[in-house]
Amino acid sequence: MTGHSQPIETLNTKPTREEFNEDFLYIKELYEKFH
């Protein structure tokens, strides 16, 4: 994702489905709040 700065070490790790869903819901909430 653009706008996300991550250390190189974490770029190649695959997040679990749960972590992805939590992040996605959080981003979706923010998006709906500001649009």
N, C-alpha and C. Protein backbone atom coordinates (compact mmCIF):
# COMPACT_ATOMS: atom_id res chain seq x y z
N MET A 1 0.83 -1.19 0.00
CA MET A 1 0.00 0.00 0.00
C MET A 1 0.87 1.25 0.00
N THR A 2 0.53 2.20 -0.80
CA THR A 2 1.25 3.45 -0.78
C THR A 2 0.85 4.22 0.47
N GLY A 3 1.76 4.99 1.00
CA GLY A 3 1.47 5.74 2.21
C GLY A 3 1.81 4.97 3.47
N HIS A 4 2.20 3.71 3.32
CA HIS A 4 2.62 2.91 4.45
C HIS A 4 4.12 2.75 4.40
N SER A 5 4.82 3.24 5.41
CA SER A 5 6.26 3.01 5.46
C SER A 5 6.52 1.86 6.40
N GLN A 6 7.21 0.86 5.90
CA GLN A 6 7.53 -0.32 6.70
C GLN A 6 9.01 -0.60 6.58
N PRO A 7 9.62 -1.10 7.66
CA PRO A 7 11.00 -1.57 7.53
C PRO A 7 11.05 -2.74 6.57
N ILE A 8 12.17 -2.90 5.90
CA ILE A 8 12.30 -3.93 4.87
C ILE A 8 11.99 -5.32 5.43
N GLU A 9 12.36 -5.57 6.68
CA GLU A 9 12.17 -6.91 7.24
C GLU A 9 10.71 -7.33 7.21
N THR A 10 9.80 -6.40 7.40
CA THR A 10 8.39 -6.78 7.51
C THR A 10 7.69 -6.82 6.16
N LEU A 11 8.36 -6.34 5.12
CA LEU A 11 7.69 -6.29 3.82
C LEU A 11 7.39 -7.67 3.26
N ASN A 12 8.24 -8.65 3.58
CA ASN A 12 8.08 -9.97 2.99
C ASN A 12 7.28 -10.92 3.87
N THR A 13 6.86 -10.48 5.05
CA THR A 13 6.07 -11.36 5.90
C THR A 13 4.61 -11.26 5.50
N LYS A 14 3.93 -12.38 5.44
CA LYS A 14 2.52 -12.38 5.08
C LYS A 14 1.68 -12.30 6.35
N PRO A 15 0.84 -11.28 6.47
CA PRO A 15 -0.02 -11.19 7.64
C PRO A 15 -1.07 -12.28 7.62
N THR A 16 -1.56 -12.64 8.80
CA THR A 16 -2.63 -13.63 8.86
C THR A 16 -3.93 -13.01 8.36
N ARG A 17 -4.87 -13.85 8.02
CA ARG A 17 -6.17 -13.38 7.54
C ARG A 17 -6.84 -12.48 8.58
N GLU A 18 -6.71 -12.84 9.86
CA GLU A 18 -7.35 -12.03 10.91
C GLU A 18 -6.74 -10.63 10.96
N GLU A 19 -5.42 -10.57 10.90
CA GLU A 19 -4.77 -9.26 10.93
C GLU A 19 -5.17 -8.43 9.72
N PHE A 20 -5.24 -9.08 8.57
CA PHE A 20 -5.63 -8.37 7.36
C PHE A 20 -7.04 -7.82 7.51
N ASN A 21 -7.96 -8.64 8.02
CA ASN A 21 -9.34 -8.20 8.17
C ASN A 21 -9.45 -7.04 9.15
N GLU A 22 -8.69 -7.11 10.26
CA GLU A 22 -8.72 -6.01 11.22
C GLU A 22 -8.23 -4.72 10.59
N ASP A 23 -7.11 -4.81 9.87
CA ASP A 23 -6.58 -3.62 9.21
C ASP A 23 -7.57 -3.09 8.18
N PHE A 24 -8.17 -4.01 7.43
CA PHE A 24 -9.09 -3.60 6.38
C PHE A 24 -10.31 -2.90 6.96
N LEU A 25 -10.85 -3.46 8.04
CA LEU A 25 -12.02 -2.84 8.66
C LEU A 25 -11.66 -1.46 9.22
N TYR A 26 -10.48 -1.35 9.80
CA TYR A 26 -10.04 -0.07 10.35
C TYR A 26 -9.91 0.98 9.25
N ILE A 27 -9.28 0.57 8.16
CA ILE A 27 -9.11 1.50 7.04
C ILE A 27 -10.46 1.87 6.45
N LYS A 28 -11.36 0.89 6.36
CA LYS A 28 -12.69 1.14 5.82
C LYS A 28 -13.44 2.14 6.71
N GLU A 29 -13.32 1.99 8.03
CA GLU A 29 -13.97 2.93 8.94
C GLU A 29 -13.42 4.33 8.74
N LEU A 30 -12.10 4.45 8.66
CA LEU A 30 -11.50 5.76 8.45
C LEU A 30 -11.96 6.35 7.13
N TYR A 31 -11.99 5.52 6.10
CA TYR A 31 -12.38 5.99 4.78
C TYR A 31 -13.81 6.53 4.81
N GLU A 32 -14.71 5.79 5.45
CA GLU A 32 -16.10 6.23 5.50
C GLU A 32 -16.25 7.47 6.35
N LYS A 33 -15.38 7.63 7.36
CA LYS A 33 -15.44 8.80 8.21
C LYS A 33 -15.06 10.06 7.45
N PHE A 34 -14.11 9.95 6.53
CA PHE A 34 -13.57 11.13 5.86
C PHE A 34 -14.10 11.34 4.45
N HIS A 35 -14.97 10.46 3.97
CA HIS A 35 -15.48 10.63 2.60
C HIS A 35 -17.00 10.67 2.59
